[in-house]
Amino acid sequence: MKRIIRFLGGLNSGLTRVYLLLFTLVLAVVVGLVVWTCQGVKNTSLSIVTNEKIDCTPNIVDRMKAIGQWEFLVVSDEELIDTVRKGFFSDDELVRIYYGKLRLGIDLSTCSEDWISQKDDTVFVTIPEIRLLDHNFIDEARTKSFFESGKWSNADRQAMYDRARDRMIKRCMSPENKKVARDNACEQVQKMLAPIAKPKVVKVK
């Protein structure tokens, strides 16, 4: 009987040592995993990368529209306008000289965003049509009467003013002057946008 008790006691002691060994191994594995995880977190850094290569199209549109009217050609003109009023004994005559400066260009503030588009590495720009930027282009301070006989009303003088204005527009807003202004516009827009859109290529039409 004593032998059996000693045998069982030794068996229990052996199992206890096995359990302790397994516990020690599991604890070692857990500690190792914790240390490895902490080391990995320590060596990991969070970095935020800012992409400074911004799509230039929206910025170009805002900058261009902020310019507003852009003048590309100024044409100076003077017109001699005369009018005659028939009388019973004599005729009344009024001759006046008008001076004006007509500004040809484009108004970028009226453009929508689709006039500048981007495809791959190219920015395409379709500029508006050349127009007369200022309709009050006659210098009334320089207007003078070259010859005047009889009495003339303000309505008569306004009619002569309107004739001078229409004649200046017809003369200065010619296809040739519009072409010169448009060529200047394409060149200036190209020069302004090229550094902004770089390394993209700018094509103006």
C-alpha atoms as a PDB file:
ATOM      1  CA  MET A   1       0.000   0.000   0.000  1.00  0.00           C
ATOM      2  CA  LYS A   2       2.816   2.370   0.885  1.00  0.00           C
ATOM      3  CA  ARG A   3       4.411   1.622  -2.471  1.00  0.00           C
ATOM      4  CA  ILE A   4       1.193   2.621  -4.252  1.00  0.00           C
ATOM      5  CA  ILE A   5       0.982   5.889  -2.305  1.00  0.00           C
ATOM      6  CA  ARG A   6       4.612   6.723  -3.099  1.00  0.00           C
ATOM      7  CA  PHE A   7       3.983   5.892  -6.767  1.00  0.00           C
ATOM      8  CA  LEU A   8       0.922   8.159  -6.934  1.00  0.00           C
ATOM      9  CA  GLY A   9       2.789  10.927  -5.114  1.00  0.00           C
ATOM     10  CA  GLY A  10       5.624  10.727  -7.604  1.00  0.00           C
ATOM     11  CA  LEU A  11       3.156  10.727 -10.461  1.00  0.00           C
ATOM     12  CA  ASN A  12       1.464  13.871  -9.167  1.00  0.00           C
ATOM     13  CA  SER A  13       4.818  15.526  -8.705  1.00  0.00           C
ATOM     14  CA  GLY A  14       5.774  14.698 -12.281  1.00  0.00           C
ATOM     15  CA  LEU A  15       2.509  16.066 -13.696  1.00  0.00           C
ATOM     16  CA  THR A  16       2.981  19.219 -11.684  1.00  0.00           C
ATOM     17  CA  ARG A  17       6.428  19.729 -13.188  1.00  0.00           C
ATOM     18  CA  VAL A  18       4.948  19.165 -16.701  1.00  0.00           C
ATOM     19  CA  TYR A  19       2.228  21.719 -16.045  1.00  0.00           C
ATOM     20  CA  LEU A  20       4.753  24.219 -14.770  1.00  0.00           C
ATOM     21  CA  LEU A  21       6.920  23.673 -17.851  1.00  0.00           C
ATOM     22  CA  LEU A  22       3.962  24.167 -20.219  1.00  0.00           C
ATOM     23  CA  PHE A  23       2.859  27.270 -18.324  1.00  0.00           C
ATOM     24  CA  THR A  24       6.374  28.661 -18.497  1.00  0.00           C
ATOM     25  CA  LEU A  25       6.538  28.043 -22.245  1.00  0.00           C
ATOM     26  CA  VAL A  26       3.141  29.670 -22.860  1.00  0.00           C
ATOM     27  CA  LEU A  27       4.122  32.639 -20.710  1.00  0.00           C
ATOM     28  CA  ALA A  28       7.384  32.998 -22.609  1.00  0.00           C
ATOM     29  CA  VAL A  29       5.537  32.946 -25.938  1.00  0.00           C
ATOM     30  CA  VAL A  30       3.030  35.559 -24.739  1.00  0.00           C
ATOM     31  CA  VAL A  31       5.789  37.826 -23.405  1.00  0.00           C
ATOM     32  CA  GLY A  32       7.702  37.423 -26.656  1.00  0.00           C
ATOM     33  CA  LEU A  33       4.648  38.400 -28.718  1.00  0.00           C
ATOM     34  CA  VAL A  34       4.015  41.453 -26.538  1.00  0.00           C
ATOM     35  CA  VAL A  35       7.637  42.585 -26.828  1.00  0.00           C
ATOM     36  CA  TRP A  36       7.659  42.033 -30.600  1.00  0.00           C
ATOM     37  CA  THR A  37       4.419  43.963 -31.038  1.00  0.00           C
ATOM     38  CA  CYS A  38       5.629  46.857 -28.927  1.00  0.00           C
ATOM     39  CA  GLN A  39       8.904  46.975 -30.834  1.00  0.00           C
ATOM     40  CA  GLY A  40       7.038  47.015 -34.137  1.00  0.00           C
ATOM     41  CA  VAL A  41       4.810  49.880 -33.009  1.00  0.00           C
ATOM     42  CA  LYS A  42       7.861  51.777 -31.780  1.00  0.00           C
ATOM     43  CA  ASN A  43       9.617  51.464 -35.113  1.00  0.00           C
ATOM     44  CA  THR A  44       6.524  52.461 -37.104  1.00  0.00           C
ATOM     45  CA  SER A  45       6.139  56.168 -37.920  1.00  0.00           C
ATOM     46  CA  LEU A  46       3.089  57.963 -39.290  1.00  0.00           C
ATOM     47  CA  SER A  47       3.872  60.169 -42.274  1.00  0.00           C
ATOM     48  CA  ILE A  48       1.536  62.519 -44.114  1.00  0.00           C
ATOM     49  CA  VAL A  49       2.495  63.202 -47.712  1.00  0.00           C
ATOM     50  CA  THR A  50       1.176  66.370 -49.275  1.00  0.00           C
ATOM     51  CA  ASN A  51       0.646  66.278 -53.008  1.00  0.00           C
ATOM     52  CA  GLU A  52       1.706  69.703 -54.178  1.00  0.00           C
ATOM     53  CA  LYS A  53       0.966  68.905 -57.799  1.00  0.00           C
ATOM     54  CA  ILE A  54      -2.423  70.555 -58.011  1.00  0.00           C
ATOM     55  CA  ASP A  55      -4.682  70.236 -61.038  1.00  0.00           C
ATOM     56  CA  CYS A  56      -4.100  73.623 -62.622  1.00  0.00           C
ATOM     57  CA  THR A  57      -7.363  73.969 -64.515  1.00  0.00           C
ATOM     58  CA  PRO A  58      -9.607  75.330 -61.704  1.00  0.00           C
ATOM     59  CA  ASN A  59      -6.863  77.688 -60.534  1.00  0.00           C
ATOM     60  CA  ILE A  60      -6.262  78.953 -64.039  1.00  0.00           C
ATOM     61  CA  VAL A  61      -9.981  79.644 -64.503  1.00  0.00           C
ATOM     62  CA  ASP A  62     -10.162  81.671 -61.285  1.00  0.00           C
ATOM     63  CA  ARG A  63      -7.067  83.697 -62.094  1.00  0.00           C
ATOM     64  CA  MET A  64      -8.158  84.384 -65.634  1.00  0.00           C
ATOM     65  CA  LYS A  65     -11.696  85.414 -64.708  1.00  0.00           C
ATOM     66  CA  ALA A  66     -10.315  87.762 -62.053  1.00  0.00           C
ATOM     67  CA  ILE A  67      -8.541  89.744 -64.768  1.00  0.00           C
ATOM     68  CA  GLY A  68     -11.854  90.893 -66.256  1.00  0.00           C
ATOM     69  CA  GLN A  69     -11.371  92.981 -69.368  1.00  0.00           C
ATOM     70  CA  TRP A  70      -8.089  92.437 -71.159  1.00  0.00           C
ATOM     71  CA  GLU A  71      -7.088  94.974 -73.786  1.00  0.00           C
ATOM     72  CA  PHE A  72      -5.065  93.867 -76.811  1.00  0.00           C
ATOM     73  CA  LEU A  73      -5.380  96.711 -79.286  1.00  0.00           C
ATOM     74  CA  VAL A  74      -6.144 100.438 -79.076  1.00  0.00           C
ATOM     75  CA  VAL A  75      -7.209 102.244 -82.242  1.00  0.00           C
ATOM     76  CA  SER A  76      -7.288 106.055 -82.331  1.00  0.00           C
ATOM     77  CA  ASP A  77      -9.663 107.685 -84.771  1.00  0.00           C
ATOM     78  CA  GLU A  78     -11.039 111.081 -85.661  1.00  0.00           C
ATOM     79  CA  GLU A  79     -14.144 111.770 -87.677  1.00  0.00           C
ATOM     80  CA  LEU A  80     -15.354 114.946 -89.326  1.00  0.00           C
ATOM     81  CA  ILE A  81     -19.147 115.059 -89.290  1.00  0.00           C
ATOM     82  CA  ASP A  82     -21.182 117.715 -91.035  1.00  0.00           C
ATOM     83  CA  THR A  83     -24.854 118.462 -91.330  1.00  0.00           C
ATOM     84  CA  VAL A  84     -26.737 121.025 -93.434  1.00  0.00           C
ATOM     85  CA  ARG A  85     -30.159 122.537 -92.823  1.00  0.00           C
ATOM     86  CA  LYS A  86     -31.803 124.091 -95.841  1.00  0.00           C
ATOM     87  CA  GLY A  87     -33.224 127.574 -95.387  1.00  0.00           C
ATOM     88  CA  PHE A  88     -35.336 129.980 -97.451  1.00  0.00           C
ATOM     89  CA  PHE A  89     -32.625 132.582 -97.831  1.00  0.00           C
ATOM     90  CA  SER A  90     -29.530 130.591 -96.817  1.00  0.00           C
ATOM     91  CA  ASP A  91     -28.472 127.204 -95.511  1.00  0.00           C
ATOM     92  CA  ASP A  92     -27.267 126.533 -91.987  1.00  0.00           C
ATOM     93  CA  GLU A  93     -24.265 124.242 -91.621  1.00  0.00           C
ATOM     94  CA  LEU A  94     -22.522 122.584 -88.710  1.00  0.00           C
ATOM     95  CA  VAL A  95     -19.206 120.748 -89.014  1.00  0.00           C
ATOM     96  CA  ARG A  96     -17.680 119.061 -85.954  1.00  0.00           C
ATOM     97  CA  ILE A  97     -14.556 116.974 -85.378  1.00  0.00           C
ATOM     98  CA  TYR A  98     -14.751 114.003 -82.991  1.00  0.00           C
ATOM     99  CA  TYR A  99     -11.815 112.126 -81.459  1.00  0.00           C
ATOM    100  CA  GLY A 100     -11.957 108.659 -79.997  1.00  0.00           C
ATOM    101  CA  LYS A 101      -9.890 105.709 -78.791  1.00  0.00           C
ATOM    102  CA  LEU A 102     -11.413 102.290 -79.267  1.00  0.00           C
ATOM    103  CA  ARG A 103     -10.174  99.481 -77.017  1.00  0.00           C
ATOM    104  CA  LEU A 104     -10.374  96.002 -78.504  1.00  0.00           C
ATOM    105  CA  GLY A 105     -10.033  92.933 -76.317  1.00  0.00           C
ATOM    106  CA  ILE A 106     -11.823  90.175 -74.421  1.00  0.00           C
ATOM    107  CA  ASP A 107     -13.873  90.155 -71.230  1.00  0.00           C
ATOM    108  CA  LEU A 108     -12.796  87.152 -69.175  1.00  0.00           C
ATOM    109  CA  SER A 109     -15.268  87.757 -66.348  1.00  0.00           C
ATOM    110  CA  THR A 110     -18.097  86.495 -68.550  1.00  0.00           C
ATOM    111  CA  CYS A 111     -16.411  83.187 -69.373  1.00  0.00           C
ATOM    112  CA  SER A 112     -17.680  79.876 -68.066  1.00  0.00           C
ATOM    113  CA  GLU A 113     -15.358  77.154 -66.817  1.00  0.00           C
ATOM    114  CA  ASP A 114     -15.639  75.010 -69.938  1.00  0.00           C
ATOM    115  CA  TRP A 115     -13.566  77.413 -72.042  1.00  0.00           C
ATOM    116  CA  ILE A 116     -10.470  75.966 -70.367  1.00  0.00           C
ATOM    117  CA  SER A 117     -10.113  72.207 -70.450  1.00  0.00           C
ATOM    118  CA  GLN A 118      -7.373  69.716 -69.724  1.00  0.00           C
ATOM    119  CA  LYS A 119      -6.560  66.437 -71.417  1.00  0.00           C
ATOM    120  CA  ASP A 120      -3.543  64.387 -70.370  1.00  0.00           C
ATOM    121  CA  ASP A 121      -0.590  66.780 -70.314  1.00  0.00           C
ATOM    122  CA  THR A 122      -2.211  69.575 -72.362  1.00  0.00           C
ATOM    123  CA  VAL A 123      -4.349  72.548 -71.300  1.00  0.00           C
ATOM    124  CA  PHE A 124      -6.658  73.782 -74.049  1.00  0.00           C
ATOM    125  CA  VAL A 125      -7.849  77.401 -73.956  1.00  0.00           C
ATOM    126  CA  THR A 126     -10.556  78.808 -76.215  1.00  0.00           C
ATOM    127  CA  ILE A 127     -10.549  82.579 -75.779  1.00  0.00           C
ATOM    128  CA  PRO A 128     -13.723  84.647 -76.327  1.00  0.00           C
ATOM    129  CA  GLU A 129     -14.327  86.704 -79.430  1.00  0.00           C
ATOM    130  CA  ILE A 130     -12.701  90.116 -79.702  1.00  0.00           C
ATOM    131  CA  ARG A 131     -15.095  92.861 -78.685  1.00  0.00           C
ATOM    132  CA  LEU A 132     -15.242  96.585 -78.033  1.00  0.00           C
ATOM    133  CA  LEU A 133     -14.477  96.951 -74.327  1.00  0.00           C
ATOM    134  CA  ASP A 134     -15.684 100.520 -73.785  1.00  0.00           C
ATOM    135  CA  HIS A 135     -18.610 102.012 -75.699  1.00  0.00           C
ATOM    136  CA  ASN A 136     -17.971 105.523 -74.397  1.00  0.00           C
ATOM    137  CA  PHE A 137     -14.823 105.960 -76.426  1.00  0.00           C
ATOM    138  CA  ILE A 138     -15.379 109.465 -77.843  1.00  0.00           C
ATOM    139  CA  ASP A 139     -13.406 112.187 -76.042  1.00  0.00           C
ATOM    140  CA  GLU A 140     -16.056 114.868 -75.745  1.00  0.00           C
ATOM    141  CA  ALA A 141     -13.582 117.299 -74.199  1.00  0.00           C
ATOM    142  CA  ARG A 142     -11.651 117.310 -77.483  1.00  0.00           C
ATOM    143  CA  THR A 143     -14.735 117.561 -79.680  1.00  0.00           C
ATOM    144  CA  LYS A 144     -14.852 120.915 -81.386  1.00  0.00           C
ATOM    145  CA  SER A 145     -16.822 122.722 -84.032  1.00  0.00           C
ATOM    146  CA  PHE A 146     -14.866 123.187 -87.236  1.00  0.00           C
ATOM    147  CA  PHE A 147     -17.551 125.368 -88.801  1.00  0.00           C
ATOM    148  CA  GLU A 148     -20.906 126.512 -87.510  1.00  0.00           C
ATOM    149  CA  SER A 149     -23.605 128.768 -88.955  1.00  0.00           C
ATOM    150  CA  GLY A 150     -27.129 129.163 -87.642  1.00  0.00           C
ATOM    151  CA  LYS A 151     -28.580 127.824 -84.440  1.00  0.00           C
ATOM    152  CA  TRP A 152     -28.397 124.148 -83.495  1.00  0.00           C
ATOM    153  CA  SER A 153     -30.176 122.275 -80.711  1.00  0.00           C
ATOM    154  CA  ASN A 154     -28.803 119.645 -78.355  1.00  0.00           C
ATOM    155  CA  ALA A 155     -30.747 117.029 -80.313  1.00  0.00           C
ATOM    156  CA  ASP A 156     -28.930 118.074 -83.496  1.00  0.00           C
ATOM    157  CA  ARG A 157     -25.580 117.761 -81.786  1.00  0.00           C
ATOM    158  CA  GLN A 158     -26.534 114.361 -80.296  1.00  0.00           C
ATOM    159  CA  ALA A 159     -27.447 113.105 -83.750  1.00  0.00           C
ATOM    160  CA  MET A 160     -24.007 114.135 -85.033  1.00  0.00           C
ATOM    161  CA  TYR A 161     -22.382 112.447 -82.041  1.00  0.00           C
ATOM    162  CA  ASP A 162     -24.210 109.199 -82.815  1.00  0.00           C
ATOM    163  CA  ARG A 163     -23.133 109.379 -86.462  1.00  0.00           C
ATOM    164  CA  ALA A 164     -19.492 109.866 -85.431  1.00  0.00           C
ATOM    165  CA  ARG A 165     -19.696 106.955 -82.989  1.00  0.00           C
ATOM    166  CA  ASP A 166     -21.191 104.567 -85.558  1.00  0.00           C
ATOM    167  CA  ARG A 167     -18.614 105.577 -88.144  1.00  0.00           C
ATOM    168  CA  MET A 168     -15.715 104.985 -85.710  1.00  0.00           C
ATOM    169  CA  ILE A 169     -17.003 101.545 -84.780  1.00  0.00           C
ATOM    170  CA  LYS A 170     -17.379 100.580 -88.416  1.00  0.00           C
ATOM    171  CA  ARG A 171     -13.898 101.828 -89.276  1.00  0.00           C
ATOM    172  CA  CYS A 172     -11.984 100.531 -86.247  1.00  0.00           C
ATOM    173  CA  MET A 173     -13.759  97.223 -85.630  1.00  0.00           C
ATOM    174  CA  SER A 174     -12.607  95.946 -88.996  1.00  0.00           C
ATOM    175  CA  PRO A 175     -11.720  92.281 -89.643  1.00  0.00           C
ATOM    176  CA  GLU A 176      -8.066  93.295 -89.935  1.00  0.00           C
ATOM    177  CA  ASN A 177      -7.994  95.022 -86.537  1.00  0.00           C
ATOM    178  CA  LYS A 178      -9.878  92.148 -84.918  1.00  0.00           C
ATOM    179  CA  LYS A 179      -7.310  89.700 -86.280  1.00  0.00           C
ATOM    180  CA  VAL A 180      -4.429  91.768 -84.898  1.00  0.00           C
ATOM    181  CA  ALA A 181      -6.121  91.926 -81.487  1.00  0.00           C
ATOM    182  CA  ARG A 182      -6.873  88.200 -81.530  1.00  0.00           C
ATOM    183  CA  ASP A 183      -3.286  87.294 -82.443  1.00  0.00           C
ATOM    184  CA  ASN A 184      -2.056  89.482 -79.588  1.00  0.00           C
ATOM    185  CA  ALA A 185      -4.558  87.813 -77.256  1.00  0.00           C
ATOM    186  CA  CYS A 186      -3.401  84.305 -78.135  1.00  0.00           C
ATOM    187  CA  GLU A 187       0.229  85.277 -77.614  1.00  0.00           C
ATOM    188  CA  GLN A 188      -0.348  86.999 -74.260  1.00  0.00           C
ATOM    189  CA  VAL A 189      -2.593  84.233 -72.896  1.00  0.00           C
ATOM    190  CA  GLN A 190       0.011  81.652 -73.906  1.00  0.00           C
ATOM    191  CA  LYS A 191       2.782  83.558 -72.132  1.00  0.00           C
ATOM    192  CA  MET A 192       0.737  84.025 -68.973  1.00  0.00           C
ATOM    193  CA  LEU A 193      -0.490  80.446 -68.635  1.00  0.00           C
ATOM    194  CA  ALA A 194       2.678  78.590 -69.604  1.00  0.00           C
ATOM    195  CA  PRO A 195       4.470  79.085 -66.237  1.00  0.00           C
ATOM    196  CA  ILE A 196       1.280  78.338 -64.288  1.00  0.00           C
ATOM    197  CA  ALA A 197       0.449  75.122 -66.134  1.00  0.00           C
ATOM    198  CA  LYS A 198       4.029  73.856 -66.344  1.00  0.00           C
ATOM    199  CA  PRO A 199       4.939  71.063 -67.052  1.00  0.00           C
ATOM    200  CA  LYS A 200       1.672  70.836 -68.981  1.00  0.00           C
ATOM    201  CA  VAL A 201       1.528  72.316 -72.479  1.00  0.00           C
ATOM    202  CA  VAL A 202      -0.853  75.210 -73.147  1.00  0.00           C
ATOM    203  CA  LYS A 203      -2.628  75.496 -76.497  1.00  0.00           C
ATOM    204  CA  VAL A 204      -4.655  78.635 -77.194  1.00  0.00           C
ATOM    205  CA  LYS A 205      -7.175  78.845 -80.022  1.00  0.00           C
END
